[in-house]
Amino acid sequence: LGIFNLTNTTPGMVMPWLTVLLVPQFGYSALFAVFAALSLASAGLLASSYRRF
């Protein structure tokens, strides 16, 4: 139950700060590139966890 709570609250705390830091300097295209990289990284982590079981 604690891990589910962590996975729900962490993006809500991290992403606004990431947006505030990236958008004024690099624009929305950099923000979307970071989001794409993070989603690929999470897909890789999920794929590797399925292989272990």
PDB file of N, CA and C in Angstrom:
ATOM      1  N   LEU A   1       0.822  -1.189   0.000  1.00  0.00           N
ATOM      2  CA  LEU A   1       0.000   0.000   0.000  1.00  0.00           C
ATOM      3  C   LEU A   1       0.869   1.257   0.000  1.00  0.00           C
ATOM      4  N   GLY A   2       1.999   1.219   0.666  1.00  0.00           N
ATOM      5  CA  GLY A   2       2.873   2.383   0.705  1.00  0.00           C
ATOM      6  C   GLY A   2       3.486   2.702  -0.646  1.00  0.00           C
ATOM      7  N   ILE A   3       3.793   1.672  -1.428  1.00  0.00           N
ATOM      8  CA  ILE A   3       4.387   1.915  -2.747  1.00  0.00           C
ATOM      9  C   ILE A   3       3.369   2.537  -3.681  1.00  0.00           C
ATOM     10  N   PHE A   4       2.115   2.100  -3.597  1.00  0.00           N
ATOM     11  CA  PHE A   4       1.086   2.701  -4.444  1.00  0.00           C
ATOM     12  C   PHE A   4       0.891   4.169  -4.095  1.00  0.00           C
ATOM     13  N   ASN A   5       0.939   4.497  -2.824  1.00  0.00           N
ATOM     14  CA  ASN A   5       0.810   5.885  -2.407  1.00  0.00           C
ATOM     15  C   ASN A   5       1.988   6.701  -2.919  1.00  0.00           C
ATOM     16  N   LEU A   6       3.185   6.142  -2.860  1.00  0.00           N
ATOM     17  CA  LEU A   6       4.372   6.836  -3.346  1.00  0.00           C
ATOM     18  C   LEU A   6       4.301   7.066  -4.849  1.00  0.00           C
ATOM     19  N   THR A   7       3.827   6.083  -5.592  1.00  0.00           N
ATOM     20  CA  THR A   7       3.739   6.250  -7.044  1.00  0.00           C
ATOM     21  C   THR A   7       2.665   7.247  -7.443  1.00  0.00           C
ATOM     22  N   ASN A   8       1.699   7.477  -6.592  1.00  0.00           N
ATOM     23  CA  ASN A   8       0.665   8.464  -6.897  1.00  0.00           C
ATOM     24  C   ASN A   8       1.065   9.874  -6.503  1.00  0.00           C
ATOM     25  N   THR A   9       1.828  10.032  -5.433  1.00  0.00           N
ATOM     26  CA  THR A   9       2.139  11.377  -4.948  1.00  0.00           C
ATOM     27  C   THR A   9       3.423  11.953  -5.521  1.00  0.00           C
ATOM     28  N   THR A  10       4.387  11.123  -5.872  1.00  0.00           N
ATOM     29  CA  THR A  10       5.675  11.636  -6.351  1.00  0.00           C
ATOM     30  C   THR A  10       5.551  12.441  -7.641  1.00  0.00           C
ATOM     31  N   PRO A  11       4.853  11.974  -8.664  1.00  0.00           N
ATOM     32  CA  PRO A  11       4.741  12.802  -9.877  1.00  0.00           C
ATOM     33  C   PRO A  11       4.058  14.138  -9.625  1.00  0.00           C
ATOM     34  N   GLY A  12       3.103  14.162  -8.733  1.00  0.00           N
ATOM     35  CA  GLY A  12       2.418  15.411  -8.422  1.00  0.00           C
ATOM     36  C   GLY A  12       3.302  16.416  -7.720  1.00  0.00           C
ATOM     37  N   MET A  13       4.359  15.940  -7.077  1.00  0.00           N
ATOM     38  CA  MET A  13       5.291  16.844  -6.411  1.00  0.00           C
ATOM     39  C   MET A  13       6.466  17.215  -7.304  1.00  0.00           C
ATOM     40  N   VAL A  14       6.901  16.308  -8.159  1.00  0.00           N
ATOM     41  CA  VAL A  14       8.106  16.529  -8.957  1.00  0.00           C
ATOM     42  C   VAL A  14       7.816  17.284 -10.251  1.00  0.00           C
ATOM     43  N   MET A  15       6.758  16.933 -10.939  1.00  0.00           N
ATOM     44  CA  MET A  15       6.509  17.497 -12.265  1.00  0.00           C
ATOM     45  C   MET A  15       6.261  19.009 -12.283  1.00  0.00           C
ATOM     46  N   PRO A  16       5.560  19.597 -11.318  1.00  0.00           N
ATOM     47  CA  PRO A  16       5.439  21.063 -11.354  1.00  0.00           C
ATOM     48  C   PRO A  16       6.789  21.767 -11.249  1.00  0.00           C
ATOM     49  N   TRP A  17       7.672  21.256 -10.404  1.00  0.00           N
ATOM     50  CA  TRP A  17       8.994  21.874 -10.294  1.00  0.00           C
ATOM     51  C   TRP A  17       9.812  21.659 -11.560  1.00  0.00           C
ATOM     52  N   LEU A  18       9.697  20.502 -12.147  1.00  0.00           N
ATOM     53  CA  LEU A  18      10.400  20.240 -13.401  1.00  0.00           C
ATOM     54  C   LEU A  18       9.907  21.171 -14.500  1.00  0.00           C
ATOM     55  N   THR A  19       8.620  21.404 -14.539  1.00  0.00           N
ATOM     56  CA  THR A  19       8.038  22.317 -15.524  1.00  0.00           C
ATOM     57  C   THR A  19       8.503  23.746 -15.295  1.00  0.00           C
ATOM     58  N   VAL A  20       8.508  24.181 -14.050  1.00  0.00           N
ATOM     59  CA  VAL A  20       8.938  25.548 -13.730  1.00  0.00           C
ATOM     60  C   VAL A  20      10.406  25.752 -14.088  1.00  0.00           C
ATOM     61  N   LEU A  21      11.216  24.719 -13.932  1.00  0.00           N
ATOM     62  CA  LEU A  21      12.635  24.855 -14.242  1.00  0.00           C
ATOM     63  C   LEU A  21      12.931  24.780 -15.739  1.00  0.00           C
ATOM     64  N   LEU A  22      12.193  23.968 -16.478  1.00  0.00           N
ATOM     65  CA  LEU A  22      12.514  23.740 -17.886  1.00  0.00           C
ATOM     66  C   LEU A  22      11.871  24.729 -18.846  1.00  0.00           C
ATOM     67  N   VAL A  23      10.609  25.029 -18.662  1.00  0.00           N
ATOM     68  CA  VAL A  23       9.865  25.797 -19.663  1.00  0.00           C
ATOM     69  C   VAL A  23      10.412  27.211 -19.867  1.00  0.00           C
ATOM     70  N   PRO A  24      10.721  27.979 -18.832  1.00  0.00           N
ATOM     71  CA  PRO A  24      11.221  29.335 -19.097  1.00  0.00           C
ATOM     72  C   PRO A  24      12.550  29.367 -19.857  1.00  0.00           C
ATOM     73  N   GLN A  25      13.394  28.380 -19.642  1.00  0.00           N
ATOM     74  CA  GLN A  25      14.705  28.392 -20.292  1.00  0.00           C
ATOM     75  C   GLN A  25      14.710  27.701 -21.649  1.00  0.00           C
ATOM     76  N   PHE A  26      14.009  26.581 -21.761  1.00  0.00           N
ATOM     77  CA  PHE A  26      14.120  25.757 -22.961  1.00  0.00           C
ATOM     78  C   PHE A  26      12.826  25.613 -23.745  1.00  0.00           C
ATOM     79  N   GLY A  27      11.700  25.972 -23.180  1.00  0.00           N
ATOM     80  CA  GLY A  27      10.426  25.878 -23.877  1.00  0.00           C
ATOM     81  C   GLY A  27       9.746  24.538 -23.666  1.00  0.00           C
ATOM     82  N   TYR A  28       8.557  24.468 -24.230  1.00  0.00           N
ATOM     83  CA  TYR A  28       7.746  23.263 -24.053  1.00  0.00           C
ATOM     84  C   TYR A  28       8.293  22.064 -24.820  1.00  0.00           C
ATOM     85  N   SER A  29       9.026  22.299 -25.891  1.00  0.00           N
ATOM     86  CA  SER A  29       9.574  21.161 -26.636  1.00  0.00           C
ATOM     87  C   SER A  29      10.569  20.382 -25.779  1.00  0.00           C
ATOM     88  N   ALA A  30      11.359  21.068 -24.980  1.00  0.00           N
ATOM     89  CA  ALA A  30      12.283  20.372 -24.080  1.00  0.00           C
ATOM     90  C   ALA A  30      11.524  19.615 -23.000  1.00  0.00           C
ATOM     91  N   LEU A  31      10.444  20.202 -22.519  1.00  0.00           N
ATOM     92  CA  LEU A  31       9.634  19.531 -21.500  1.00  0.00           C
ATOM     93  C   LEU A  31       9.041  18.236 -22.052  1.00  0.00           C
ATOM     94  N   PHE A  32       8.527  18.284 -23.280  1.00  0.00           N
ATOM     95  CA  PHE A  32       7.966  17.078 -23.881  1.00  0.00           C
ATOM     96  C   PHE A  32       9.048  16.046 -24.174  1.00  0.00           C
ATOM     97  N   ALA A  33      10.252  16.496 -24.511  1.00  0.00           N
ATOM     98  CA  ALA A  33      11.353  15.556 -24.720  1.00  0.00           C
ATOM     99  C   ALA A  33      11.725  14.859 -23.414  1.00  0.00           C
ATOM    100  N   VAL A  34      11.731  15.600 -22.319  1.00  0.00           N
ATOM    101  CA  VAL A  34      12.006  14.996 -21.011  1.00  0.00           C
ATOM    102  C   VAL A  34      10.903  14.014 -20.639  1.00  0.00           C
ATOM    103  N   PHE A  35       9.653  14.382 -20.889  1.00  0.00           N
ATOM    104  CA  PHE A  35       8.542  13.470 -20.610  1.00  0.00           C
ATOM    105  C   PHE A  35       8.657  12.194 -21.438  1.00  0.00           C
ATOM    106  N   ALA A  36       9.057  12.317 -22.695  1.00  0.00           N
ATOM    107  CA  ALA A  36       9.222  11.136 -23.542  1.00  0.00           C
ATOM    108  C   ALA A  36      10.341  10.247 -23.013  1.00  0.00           C
ATOM    109  N   ALA A  37      11.445  10.856 -22.601  1.00  0.00           N
ATOM    110  CA  ALA A  37      12.555  10.075 -22.058  1.00  0.00           C
ATOM    111  C   ALA A  37      12.162   9.381 -20.760  1.00  0.00           C
ATOM    112  N   LEU A  38      11.419  10.073 -19.912  1.00  0.00           N
ATOM    113  CA  LEU A  38      10.974   9.464 -18.657  1.00  0.00           C
ATOM    114  C   LEU A  38       9.992   8.322 -18.901  1.00  0.00           C
ATOM    115  N   SER A  39       9.128   8.469 -19.892  1.00  0.00           N
ATOM    116  CA  SER A  39       8.184   7.384 -20.177  1.00  0.00           C
ATOM    117  C   SER A  39       8.897   6.170 -20.772  1.00  0.00           C
ATOM    118  N   LEU A  40       9.916   6.402 -21.593  1.00  0.00           N
ATOM    119  CA  LEU A  40      10.696   5.277 -22.112  1.00  0.00           C
ATOM    120  C   LEU A  40      11.478   4.590 -20.999  1.00  0.00           C
ATOM    121  N   ALA A  41      12.007   5.378 -20.074  1.00  0.00           N
ATOM    122  CA  ALA A  41      12.728   4.788 -18.944  1.00  0.00           C
ATOM    123  C   ALA A  41      11.793   3.957 -18.073  1.00  0.00           C
ATOM    124  N   SER A  42      10.596   4.451 -17.843  1.00  0.00           N
ATOM    125  CA  SER A  42       9.648   3.682 -17.030  1.00  0.00           C
ATOM    126  C   SER A  42       9.203   2.417 -17.759  1.00  0.00           C
ATOM    127  N   ALA A  43       9.043   2.494 -19.065  1.00  0.00           N
ATOM    128  CA  ALA A  43       8.693   1.292 -19.829  1.00  0.00           C
ATOM    129  C   ALA A  43       9.817   0.266 -19.761  1.00  0.00           C
ATOM    130  N   GLY A  44      11.049   0.735 -19.821  1.00  0.00           N
ATOM    131  CA  GLY A  44      12.182  -0.176 -19.687  1.00  0.00           C
ATOM    132  C   GLY A  44      12.254  -0.830 -18.321  1.00  0.00           C
ATOM    133  N   LEU A  45      11.973  -0.054 -17.281  1.00  0.00           N
ATOM    134  CA  LEU A  45      11.958  -0.627 -15.932  1.00  0.00           C
ATOM    135  C   LEU A  45      10.854  -1.663 -15.775  1.00  0.00           C
ATOM    136  N   LEU A  46       9.692  -1.368 -16.323  1.00  0.00           N
ATOM    137  CA  LEU A  46       8.597  -2.335 -16.241  1.00  0.00           C
ATOM    138  C   LEU A  46       8.906  -3.600 -17.030  1.00  0.00           C
ATOM    139  N   ALA A  47       9.495  -3.440 -18.202  1.00  0.00           N
ATOM    140  CA  ALA A  47       9.830  -4.606 -19.016  1.00  0.00           C
ATOM    141  C   ALA A  47      10.879  -5.471 -18.323  1.00  0.00           C
ATOM    142  N   SER A  48      11.844  -4.849 -17.678  1.00  0.00           N
ATOM    143  CA  SER A  48      12.865  -5.640 -16.991  1.00  0.00           C
ATOM    144  C   SER A  48      12.303  -6.317 -15.747  1.00  0.00           C
ATOM    145  N   SER A  49      11.327  -5.709 -15.105  1.00  0.00           N
ATOM    146  CA  SER A  49      10.747  -6.353 -13.920  1.00  0.00           C
ATOM    147  C   SER A  49       9.900  -7.557 -14.313  1.00  0.00           C
ATOM    148  N   TYR A  50       9.279  -7.544 -15.471  1.00  0.00           N
ATOM    149  CA  TYR A  50       8.489  -8.692 -15.914  1.00  0.00           C
ATOM    150  C   TYR A  50       9.385  -9.859 -16.298  1.00  0.00           C
ATOM    151  N   ARG A  51      10.580  -9.583 -16.759  1.00  0.00           N
ATOM    152  CA  ARG A  51      11.485 -10.658 -17.140  1.00  0.00           C
ATOM    153  C   ARG A  51      12.014 -11.411 -15.927  1.00  0.00           C
ATOM    154  N   ARG A  52      12.116 -10.732 -14.789  1.00  0.00           N
ATOM    155  CA  ARG A  52      12.651 -11.374 -13.592  1.00  0.00           C
ATOM    156  C   ARG A  52      11.681 -12.378 -12.987  1.00  0.00           C
ATOM    157  N   PHE A  53      10.394 -12.184 -13.175  1.00  0.00           N
ATOM    158  CA  PHE A  53       9.417 -13.060 -12.516  1.00  0.00           C
ATOM    159  C   PHE A  53       9.026 -14.183 -13.377  1.00  0.00           C
TER     160      PHE A  53
END
